[in-house]
């Protein structure tokens, strides 16, 4: 009769304390822990064996009364260390702030535009929000991307946020490093952003290269592509529109 590929067995922990584990055979006298069925089984060995029999009947896997060899206890120790390390990583990750990346794109100056923001939570889940504009400048789309991202963070109840974007103008205007002309529309954008930032307990803003902003960039381009109409204009009409709006400095 071929030896079983899986087995349920006891492994001693301390005096009269056992764990009931499910093992998988890897070779002769070599077993790998698949699952710990019970940690700190009852002190009575008889009661522990009864529980082991019950698991054996439920899972239809044979059991053995004799504890496995030292190599198994070593593997069990390694499994416990991996479990503790994973729990520590999850705890450290939970302390990290959520990360907001934003971007905006435009076809024309002005032209059809789209904004996007992606929020990466500490548990590695992602929340994406986008917004389409029939006519806007690229810098407007960048600011709107940050605004819809902050509104989404507020909706999710986020209080600690790390904000990243590839627009130096937006980041440094918010931080006060770049001056804004009087009566500029960017003063209103900055005020809206600061009002949303005031709702957070803690935050930081930093500029990142475009290559590191791929999630928000792809989301903005996808939104733009979904709303992009089929152009019926001739080349001459598009060129005239470029001459009229292409050199417009109102957004500077």
C-alpha atoms as a PDB file:
ATOM      1  CA  UNK A   1       0.000   0.000   0.000  1.00  0.00           C
ATOM      2  CA  UNK A   2       1.415   3.394  -1.000  1.00  0.00           C
ATOM      3  CA  UNK A   3       2.140   5.808   1.852  1.00  0.00           C
ATOM      4  CA  UNK A   4      -0.356   8.677   2.184  1.00  0.00           C
ATOM      5  CA  UNK A   5       0.449  11.993   0.521  1.00  0.00           C
ATOM      6  CA  UNK A   6      -1.278  13.942   3.274  1.00  0.00           C
ATOM      7  CA  UNK A   7      -1.589  13.233   6.960  1.00  0.00           C
ATOM      8  CA  UNK A   8      -2.936  14.812  10.134  1.00  0.00           C
ATOM      9  CA  UNK A   9      -0.599  14.591  13.108  1.00  0.00           C
ATOM     10  CA  UNK A  10       0.273  16.081  16.470  1.00  0.00           C
ATOM     11  CA  UNK A  11       3.337  18.235  16.997  1.00  0.00           C
ATOM     12  CA  UNK A  12       4.496  18.890  20.565  1.00  0.00           C
ATOM     13  CA  UNK A  13       4.824  22.491  21.696  1.00  0.00           C
ATOM     14  CA  UNK A  14       5.440  22.429  25.429  1.00  0.00           C
ATOM     15  CA  UNK A  15       4.783  19.943  28.194  1.00  0.00           C
ATOM     16  CA  UNK A  16       1.434  18.269  27.440  1.00  0.00           C
ATOM     17  CA  UNK A  17       0.673  20.854  24.757  1.00  0.00           C
ATOM     18  CA  UNK A  18       0.244  19.973  21.105  1.00  0.00           C
ATOM     19  CA  UNK A  19      -0.666  21.427  17.756  1.00  0.00           C
ATOM     20  CA  UNK A  20      -2.815  19.540  15.278  1.00  0.00           C
ATOM     21  CA  UNK A  21      -1.499  20.116  11.768  1.00  0.00           C
ATOM     22  CA  UNK A  22      -2.160  18.995   8.223  1.00  0.00           C
ATOM     23  CA  UNK A  23       1.038  17.885   6.473  1.00  0.00           C
ATOM     24  CA  UNK A  24       1.912  17.098   2.853  1.00  0.00           C
ATOM     25  CA  UNK A  25       4.617  14.596   1.996  1.00  0.00           C
ATOM     26  CA  UNK A  26       7.570  16.026   0.056  1.00  0.00           C
ATOM     27  CA  UNK A  27       9.798  12.985   0.138  1.00  0.00           C
ATOM     28  CA  UNK A  28      10.845  10.134   2.351  1.00  0.00           C
ATOM     29  CA  UNK A  29      10.377  11.278   5.960  1.00  0.00           C
ATOM     30  CA  UNK A  30       9.991  14.859   4.738  1.00  0.00           C
ATOM     31  CA  UNK A  31       6.744  16.707   5.370  1.00  0.00           C
ATOM     32  CA  UNK A  32       5.545  20.217   4.710  1.00  0.00           C
ATOM     33  CA  UNK A  33       2.929  21.952   6.860  1.00  0.00           C
ATOM     34  CA  UNK A  34      -0.117  22.801   4.778  1.00  0.00           C
ATOM     35  CA  UNK A  35      -2.273  24.172   7.567  1.00  0.00           C
ATOM     36  CA  UNK A  36      -2.327  24.437  11.352  1.00  0.00           C
ATOM     37  CA  UNK A  37      -5.739  23.075  12.294  1.00  0.00           C
ATOM     38  CA  UNK A  38      -5.531  23.829  16.022  1.00  0.00           C
ATOM     39  CA  UNK A  39      -3.010  25.930  17.912  1.00  0.00           C
ATOM     40  CA  UNK A  40      -2.492  25.049  21.590  1.00  0.00           C
ATOM     41  CA  UNK A  41      -4.632  21.917  21.542  1.00  0.00           C
ATOM     42  CA  UNK A  42      -6.141  20.702  24.868  1.00  0.00           C
ATOM     43  CA  UNK A  43      -3.557  19.658  27.435  1.00  0.00           C
ATOM     44  CA  UNK A  44      -5.008  16.184  27.634  1.00  0.00           C
ATOM     45  CA  UNK A  45      -3.377  14.111  24.919  1.00  0.00           C
ATOM     46  CA  UNK A  46      -6.425  11.845  24.770  1.00  0.00           C
ATOM     47  CA  UNK A  47      -8.686  14.820  24.083  1.00  0.00           C
ATOM     48  CA  UNK A  48      -6.241  16.129  21.469  1.00  0.00           C
ATOM     49  CA  UNK A  49      -6.264  12.751  19.709  1.00  0.00           C
ATOM     50  CA  UNK A  50     -10.067  12.748  19.685  1.00  0.00           C
ATOM     51  CA  UNK A  51     -10.050  16.134  17.997  1.00  0.00           C
ATOM     52  CA  UNK A  52      -7.468  14.887  15.525  1.00  0.00           C
ATOM     53  CA  UNK A  53      -9.705  11.910  14.684  1.00  0.00           C
ATOM     54  CA  UNK A  54     -12.601  14.301  14.120  1.00  0.00           C
ATOM     55  CA  UNK A  55     -10.558  16.348  11.653  1.00  0.00           C
ATOM     56  CA  UNK A  56      -9.476  13.134   9.958  1.00  0.00           C
ATOM     57  CA  UNK A  57     -13.099  12.088   9.421  1.00  0.00           C
ATOM     58  CA  UNK A  58     -14.157  15.522   8.180  1.00  0.00           C
ATOM     59  CA  UNK A  59     -11.269  15.943   5.735  1.00  0.00           C
ATOM     60  CA  UNK A  60     -11.005  12.218   4.883  1.00  0.00           C
ATOM     61  CA  UNK A  61      -7.260  12.304   5.499  1.00  0.00           C
ATOM     62  CA  UNK A  62      -5.443   9.651   7.605  1.00  0.00           C
ATOM     63  CA  UNK A  63      -3.957  10.554  10.960  1.00  0.00           C
ATOM     64  CA  UNK A  64      -1.124   9.271  13.082  1.00  0.00           C
ATOM     65  CA  UNK A  65      -0.742   9.378  16.816  1.00  0.00           C
ATOM     66  CA  UNK A  66       3.052   9.507  16.890  1.00  0.00           C
ATOM     67  CA  UNK A  67       4.409  13.055  16.554  1.00  0.00           C
ATOM     68  CA  UNK A  68       6.472  13.753  13.453  1.00  0.00           C
ATOM     69  CA  UNK A  69      10.257  14.058  13.561  1.00  0.00           C
ATOM     70  CA  UNK A  70      12.487  17.000  14.433  1.00  0.00           C
ATOM     71  CA  UNK A  71      12.576  18.164  10.821  1.00  0.00           C
ATOM     72  CA  UNK A  72       8.838  18.793  11.097  1.00  0.00           C
ATOM     73  CA  UNK A  73       9.216  20.859  14.232  1.00  0.00           C
ATOM     74  CA  UNK A  74      11.866  22.911  12.441  1.00  0.00           C
ATOM     75  CA  UNK A  75       9.515  23.445   9.519  1.00  0.00           C
ATOM     76  CA  UNK A  76       6.769  24.392  11.949  1.00  0.00           C
ATOM     77  CA  UNK A  77       9.081  26.914  13.580  1.00  0.00           C
ATOM     78  CA  UNK A  78       9.888  28.412  10.177  1.00  0.00           C
ATOM     79  CA  UNK A  79       6.181  28.568   9.320  1.00  0.00           C
ATOM     80  CA  UNK A  80       5.483  30.411  12.561  1.00  0.00           C
ATOM     81  CA  UNK A  81       8.300  32.851  11.827  1.00  0.00           C
ATOM     82  CA  UNK A  82       6.909  33.497   8.351  1.00  0.00           C
ATOM     83  CA  UNK A  83       3.460  34.046   9.827  1.00  0.00           C
ATOM     84  CA  UNK A  84       4.828  36.488  12.427  1.00  0.00           C
ATOM     85  CA  UNK A  85       6.844  38.315   9.757  1.00  0.00           C
ATOM     86  CA  UNK A  86       3.775  38.626   7.536  1.00  0.00           C
ATOM     87  CA  UNK A  87       1.709  39.992  10.429  1.00  0.00           C
ATOM     88  CA  UNK A  88       4.456  42.527  11.187  1.00  0.00           C
ATOM     89  CA  UNK A  89       4.528  43.607   7.539  1.00  0.00           C
ATOM     90  CA  UNK A  90       0.747  44.045   7.509  1.00  0.00           C
ATOM     91  CA  UNK A  91       0.887  46.064  10.729  1.00  0.00           C
ATOM     92  CA  UNK A  92       3.654  48.297   9.336  1.00  0.00           C
ATOM     93  CA  UNK A  93       1.755  48.735   6.079  1.00  0.00           C
ATOM     94  CA  UNK A  94      -1.398  49.750   7.964  1.00  0.00           C
ATOM     95  CA  UNK A  95       0.525  52.644   9.554  1.00  0.00           C
ATOM     96  CA  UNK A  96       1.575  54.037   6.177  1.00  0.00           C
ATOM     97  CA  UNK A  97      -0.537  56.866   4.765  1.00  0.00           C
ATOM     98  CA  UNK A  98      -2.662  56.420   1.679  1.00  0.00           C
ATOM     99  CA  UNK A  99      -1.025  57.624  -1.543  1.00  0.00           C
ATOM    100  CA  UNK A 100      -2.840  59.908  -3.987  1.00  0.00           C
ATOM    101  CA  UNK A 101      -1.482  60.331  -7.513  1.00  0.00           C
ATOM    102  CA  UNK A 102      -3.184  62.656  -9.973  1.00  0.00           C
ATOM    103  CA  UNK A 103      -2.832  63.691 -13.595  1.00  0.00           C
ATOM    104  CA  UNK A 104      -4.545  65.669 -16.334  1.00  0.00           C
ATOM    105  CA  UNK A 105      -4.339  65.576 -20.104  1.00  0.00           C
ATOM    106  CA  UNK A 106      -5.694  67.710 -22.928  1.00  0.00           C
ATOM    107  CA  UNK A 107      -5.894  67.544 -26.717  1.00  0.00           C
ATOM    108  CA  UNK A 108      -5.473  71.178 -27.647  1.00  0.00           C
ATOM    109  CA  UNK A 109      -5.002  74.534 -25.983  1.00  0.00           C
ATOM    110  CA  UNK A 110      -7.821  74.390 -25.059  1.00  0.00           C
ATOM    111  CA  UNK A 111      -9.314  71.083 -26.146  1.00  0.00           C
ATOM    112  CA  UNK A 112     -11.090  68.032 -24.862  1.00  0.00           C
ATOM    113  CA  UNK A 113      -9.494  67.140 -21.539  1.00  0.00           C
ATOM    114  CA  UNK A 114      -9.622  64.577 -18.779  1.00  0.00           C
ATOM    115  CA  UNK A 115      -8.502  64.443 -15.165  1.00  0.00           C
ATOM    116  CA  UNK A 116      -7.769  61.374 -13.060  1.00  0.00           C
ATOM    117  CA  UNK A 117      -6.727  60.489  -9.538  1.00  0.00           C
ATOM    118  CA  UNK A 118      -5.739  57.135  -8.063  1.00  0.00           C
ATOM    119  CA  UNK A 119      -5.681  56.462  -4.320  1.00  0.00           C
ATOM    120  CA  UNK A 120      -3.590  53.543  -3.093  1.00  0.00           C
ATOM    121  CA  UNK A 121      -4.721  52.412   0.350  1.00  0.00           C
ATOM    122  CA  UNK A 122      -2.481  50.796   2.953  1.00  0.00           C
ATOM    123  CA  UNK A 123      -4.035  47.388   2.190  1.00  0.00           C
ATOM    124  CA  UNK A 124      -2.979  47.776  -1.484  1.00  0.00           C
ATOM    125  CA  UNK A 125      -6.511  48.394  -2.746  1.00  0.00           C
ATOM    126  CA  UNK A 126      -6.962  51.124  -5.350  1.00  0.00           C
ATOM    127  CA  UNK A 127      -9.675  53.734  -5.876  1.00  0.00           C
ATOM    128  CA  UNK A 128      -9.747  55.549  -9.220  1.00  0.00           C
ATOM    129  CA  UNK A 129     -11.815  58.604 -10.108  1.00  0.00           C
ATOM    130  CA  UNK A 130     -11.898  60.509 -13.411  1.00  0.00           C
ATOM    131  CA  UNK A 131     -13.567  63.577 -14.901  1.00  0.00           C
ATOM    132  CA  UNK A 132     -14.042  64.683 -18.508  1.00  0.00           C
ATOM    133  CA  UNK A 133     -14.096  68.271 -19.831  1.00  0.00           C
ATOM    134  CA  UNK A 134     -15.300  69.146 -23.355  1.00  0.00           C
ATOM    135  CA  UNK A 135     -12.943  72.136 -23.427  1.00  0.00           C
ATOM    136  CA  UNK A 136     -10.119  72.915 -21.025  1.00  0.00           C
ATOM    137  CA  UNK A 137      -6.391  73.537 -20.805  1.00  0.00           C
ATOM    138  CA  UNK A 138      -3.926  70.897 -19.622  1.00  0.00           C
ATOM    139  CA  UNK A 139      -3.135  72.829 -16.432  1.00  0.00           C
ATOM    140  CA  UNK A 140      -6.849  73.068 -15.628  1.00  0.00           C
ATOM    141  CA  UNK A 141      -7.075  69.296 -16.008  1.00  0.00           C
ATOM    142  CA  UNK A 142      -4.082  68.830 -13.686  1.00  0.00           C
ATOM    143  CA  UNK A 143      -5.669  70.943 -10.954  1.00  0.00           C
ATOM    144  CA  UNK A 144      -9.021  69.219 -11.392  1.00  0.00           C
ATOM    145  CA  UNK A 145      -7.275  65.848 -11.067  1.00  0.00           C
ATOM    146  CA  UNK A 146      -5.917  66.878  -7.674  1.00  0.00           C
ATOM    147  CA  UNK A 147      -9.298  68.266  -6.597  1.00  0.00           C
ATOM    148  CA  UNK A 148     -11.321  65.163  -7.513  1.00  0.00           C
ATOM    149  CA  UNK A 149      -8.668  63.038  -5.811  1.00  0.00           C
ATOM    150  CA  UNK A 150      -8.944  65.015  -2.569  1.00  0.00           C
ATOM    151  CA  UNK A 151     -12.734  64.851  -2.750  1.00  0.00           C
ATOM    152  CA  UNK A 152     -12.507  61.069  -3.162  1.00  0.00           C
ATOM    153  CA  UNK A 153     -10.139  60.839  -0.183  1.00  0.00           C
ATOM    154  CA  UNK A 154     -12.633  62.824   1.893  1.00  0.00           C
ATOM    155  CA  UNK A 155     -15.396  60.457   0.768  1.00  0.00           C
ATOM    156  CA  UNK A 156     -13.298  57.454   1.863  1.00  0.00           C
ATOM    157  CA  UNK A 157     -12.625  59.015   5.270  1.00  0.00           C
ATOM    158  CA  UNK A 158      -8.858  59.277   4.760  1.00  0.00           C
ATOM    159  CA  UNK A 159      -7.108  61.560   7.244  1.00  0.00           C
ATOM    160  CA  UNK A 160      -3.431  60.955   6.389  1.00  0.00           C
ATOM    161  CA  UNK A 161      -2.440  61.364   2.749  1.00  0.00           C
ATOM    162  CA  UNK A 162       0.695  61.428   0.634  1.00  0.00           C
ATOM    163  CA  UNK A 163       0.053  63.389  -2.581  1.00  0.00           C
ATOM    164  CA  UNK A 164       2.154  62.949  -5.715  1.00  0.00           C
ATOM    165  CA  UNK A 165       1.861  64.509  -9.157  1.00  0.00           C
ATOM    166  CA  UNK A 166       4.019  65.124 -12.220  1.00  0.00           C
ATOM    167  CA  UNK A 167       2.926  68.760 -12.661  1.00  0.00           C
ATOM    168  CA  UNK A 168       5.561  70.989 -11.101  1.00  0.00           C
ATOM    169  CA  UNK A 169       3.337  74.025 -11.586  1.00  0.00           C
ATOM    170  CA  UNK A 170       0.454  72.565  -9.554  1.00  0.00           C
ATOM    171  CA  UNK A 171       2.609  71.092  -6.769  1.00  0.00           C
ATOM    172  CA  UNK A 172       4.803  74.159  -6.322  1.00  0.00           C
ATOM    173  CA  UNK A 173       1.914  76.633  -6.560  1.00  0.00           C
ATOM    174  CA  UNK A 174       0.155  74.775  -3.756  1.00  0.00           C
ATOM    175  CA  UNK A 175       3.358  74.788  -1.699  1.00  0.00           C
ATOM    176  CA  UNK A 176       3.848  78.502  -2.407  1.00  0.00           C
ATOM    177  CA  UNK A 177       7.138  78.032  -4.263  1.00  0.00           C
ATOM    178  CA  UNK A 178       5.736  79.304  -7.571  1.00  0.00           C
ATOM    179  CA  UNK A 179       4.030  82.731  -7.585  1.00  0.00           C
ATOM    180  CA  UNK A 180       0.563  83.139  -9.077  1.00  0.00           C
ATOM    181  CA  UNK A 181      -0.367  86.259 -11.025  1.00  0.00           C
ATOM    182  CA  UNK A 182      -3.098  88.484  -9.575  1.00  0.00           C
ATOM    183  CA  UNK A 183      -6.586  87.759 -10.923  1.00  0.00           C
ATOM    184  CA  UNK A 184      -5.362  84.418 -12.274  1.00  0.00           C
ATOM    185  CA  UNK A 185      -7.809  81.531 -12.303  1.00  0.00           C
ATOM    186  CA  UNK A 186      -5.149  79.466 -10.544  1.00  0.00           C
ATOM    187  CA  UNK A 187      -5.777  81.472  -7.362  1.00  0.00           C
ATOM    188  CA  UNK A 188      -9.257  79.946  -7.226  1.00  0.00           C
ATOM    189  CA  UNK A 189      -7.862  76.476  -7.920  1.00  0.00           C
ATOM    190  CA  UNK A 190      -5.284  76.875  -5.154  1.00  0.00           C
ATOM    191  CA  UNK A 191      -7.933  78.045  -2.682  1.00  0.00           C
ATOM    192  CA  UNK A 192     -10.134  75.026  -3.481  1.00  0.00           C
ATOM    193  CA  UNK A 193      -7.202  72.675  -2.966  1.00  0.00           C
ATOM    194  CA  UNK A 194      -6.161  74.287   0.327  1.00  0.00           C
ATOM    195  CA  UNK A 195      -9.730  74.056   1.634  1.00  0.00           C
ATOM    196  CA  UNK A 196      -9.755  70.320   0.907  1.00  0.00           C
ATOM    197  CA  UNK A 197      -6.294  69.863   2.430  1.00  0.00           C
ATOM    198  CA  UNK A 198      -7.459  71.567   5.631  1.00  0.00           C
ATOM    199  CA  UNK A 199      -9.827  68.618   6.198  1.00  0.00           C
ATOM    200  CA  UNK A 200      -6.857  66.230   6.525  1.00  0.00           C
ATOM    201  CA  UNK A 201      -4.997  65.563   9.766  1.00  0.00           C
ATOM    202  CA  UNK A 202      -1.675  65.208   7.977  1.00  0.00           C
ATOM    203  CA  UNK A 203      -0.482  65.340   4.385  1.00  0.00           C
ATOM    204  CA  UNK A 204       2.560  65.916   2.211  1.00  0.00           C
ATOM    205  CA  UNK A 205       2.930  66.964  -1.425  1.00  0.00           C
ATOM    206  CA  UNK A 206       5.797  66.014  -3.690  1.00  0.00           C
ATOM    207  CA  UNK A 207       6.583  66.165  -7.387  1.00  0.00           C
ATOM    208  CA  UNK A 208       7.396  62.936  -9.215  1.00  0.00           C
ATOM    209  CA  UNK A 209       8.582  62.314 -12.797  1.00  0.00           C
ATOM    210  CA  UNK A 210       5.937  61.307 -15.304  1.00  0.00           C
ATOM    211  CA  UNK A 211       7.395  57.793 -15.483  1.00  0.00           C
ATOM    212  CA  UNK A 212       6.412  57.269 -11.832  1.00  0.00           C
ATOM    213  CA  UNK A 213       2.858  58.492 -12.395  1.00  0.00           C
ATOM    214  CA  UNK A 214       1.692  55.772 -14.747  1.00  0.00           C
ATOM    215  CA  UNK A 215      -1.513  54.800 -12.904  1.00  0.00           C
ATOM    216  CA  UNK A 216      -3.049  58.271 -12.980  1.00  0.00           C
ATOM    217  CA  UNK A 217      -1.693  58.945 -16.477  1.00  0.00           C
ATOM    218  CA  UNK A 218      -3.295  55.790 -17.893  1.00  0.00           C
ATOM    219  CA  UNK A 219      -6.594  56.524 -16.132  1.00  0.00           C
ATOM    220  CA  UNK A 220      -6.711  60.060 -17.587  1.00  0.00           C
ATOM    221  CA  UNK A 221      -5.886  58.861 -21.104  1.00  0.00           C
ATOM    222  CA  UNK A 222      -8.484  56.103 -20.856  1.00  0.00           C
ATOM    223  CA  UNK A 223     -11.156  58.615 -19.812  1.00  0.00           C
ATOM    224  CA  UNK A 224     -10.149  60.911 -22.673  1.00  0.00           C
ATOM    225  CA  UNK A 225     -10.283  58.072 -25.189  1.00  0.00           C
ATOM    226  CA  UNK A 226     -13.744  56.990 -24.017  1.00  0.00           C
ATOM    227  CA  UNK A 227     -15.169  60.496 -24.497  1.00  0.00           C
ATOM    228  CA  UNK A 228     -13.171  61.532 -27.541  1.00  0.00           C
ATOM    229  CA  UNK A 229     -15.585  62.329 -30.398  1.00  0.00           C
ATOM    230  CA  UNK A 230     -14.915  61.512 -34.022  1.00  0.00           C
ATOM    231  CA  UNK A 231     -13.666  64.681 -35.665  1.00  0.00           C
ATOM    232  CA  UNK A 232     -15.507  65.879 -38.770  1.00  0.00           C
ATOM    233  CA  UNK A 233     -13.345  68.979 -39.169  1.00  0.00           C
ATOM    234  CA  UNK A 234     -11.095  69.436 -42.144  1.00  0.00           C
ATOM    235  CA  UNK A 235      -7.379  70.006 -41.716  1.00  0.00           C
ATOM    236  CA  UNK A 236      -7.872  73.692 -42.577  1.00  0.00           C
ATOM    237  CA  UNK A 237     -10.522  74.104 -39.854  1.00  0.00           C
ATOM    238  CA  UNK A 238      -8.332  72.426 -37.262  1.00  0.00           C
ATOM    239  CA  UNK A 239      -5.347  74.554 -38.311  1.00  0.00           C
ATOM    240  CA  UNK A 240      -7.364  77.781 -38.011  1.00  0.00           C
ATOM    241  CA  UNK A 241      -8.514  76.697 -34.541  1.00  0.00           C
ATOM    242  CA  UNK A 242      -4.907  76.055 -33.592  1.00  0.00           C
ATOM    243  CA  UNK A 243      -3.909  79.538 -34.790  1.00  0.00           C
ATOM    244  CA  UNK A 244      -6.693  81.066 -32.698  1.00  0.00           C
ATOM    245  CA  UNK A 245      -6.261  79.057 -29.504  1.00  0.00           C
ATOM    246  CA  UNK A 246      -2.866  77.434 -29.819  1.00  0.00           C
ATOM    247  CA  UNK A 247      -0.891  80.482 -28.731  1.00  0.00           C
ATOM    248  CA  UNK A 248      -3.388  81.659 -26.146  1.00  0.00           C
ATOM    249  CA  UNK A 249      -1.549  82.833 -23.018  1.00  0.00           C
ATOM    250  CA  UNK A 250      -4.606  83.265 -20.832  1.00  0.00           C
ATOM    251  CA  UNK A 251      -3.745  80.124 -18.889  1.00  0.00           C
ATOM    252  CA  UNK A 252      -0.179  81.179 -18.065  1.00  0.00           C
END
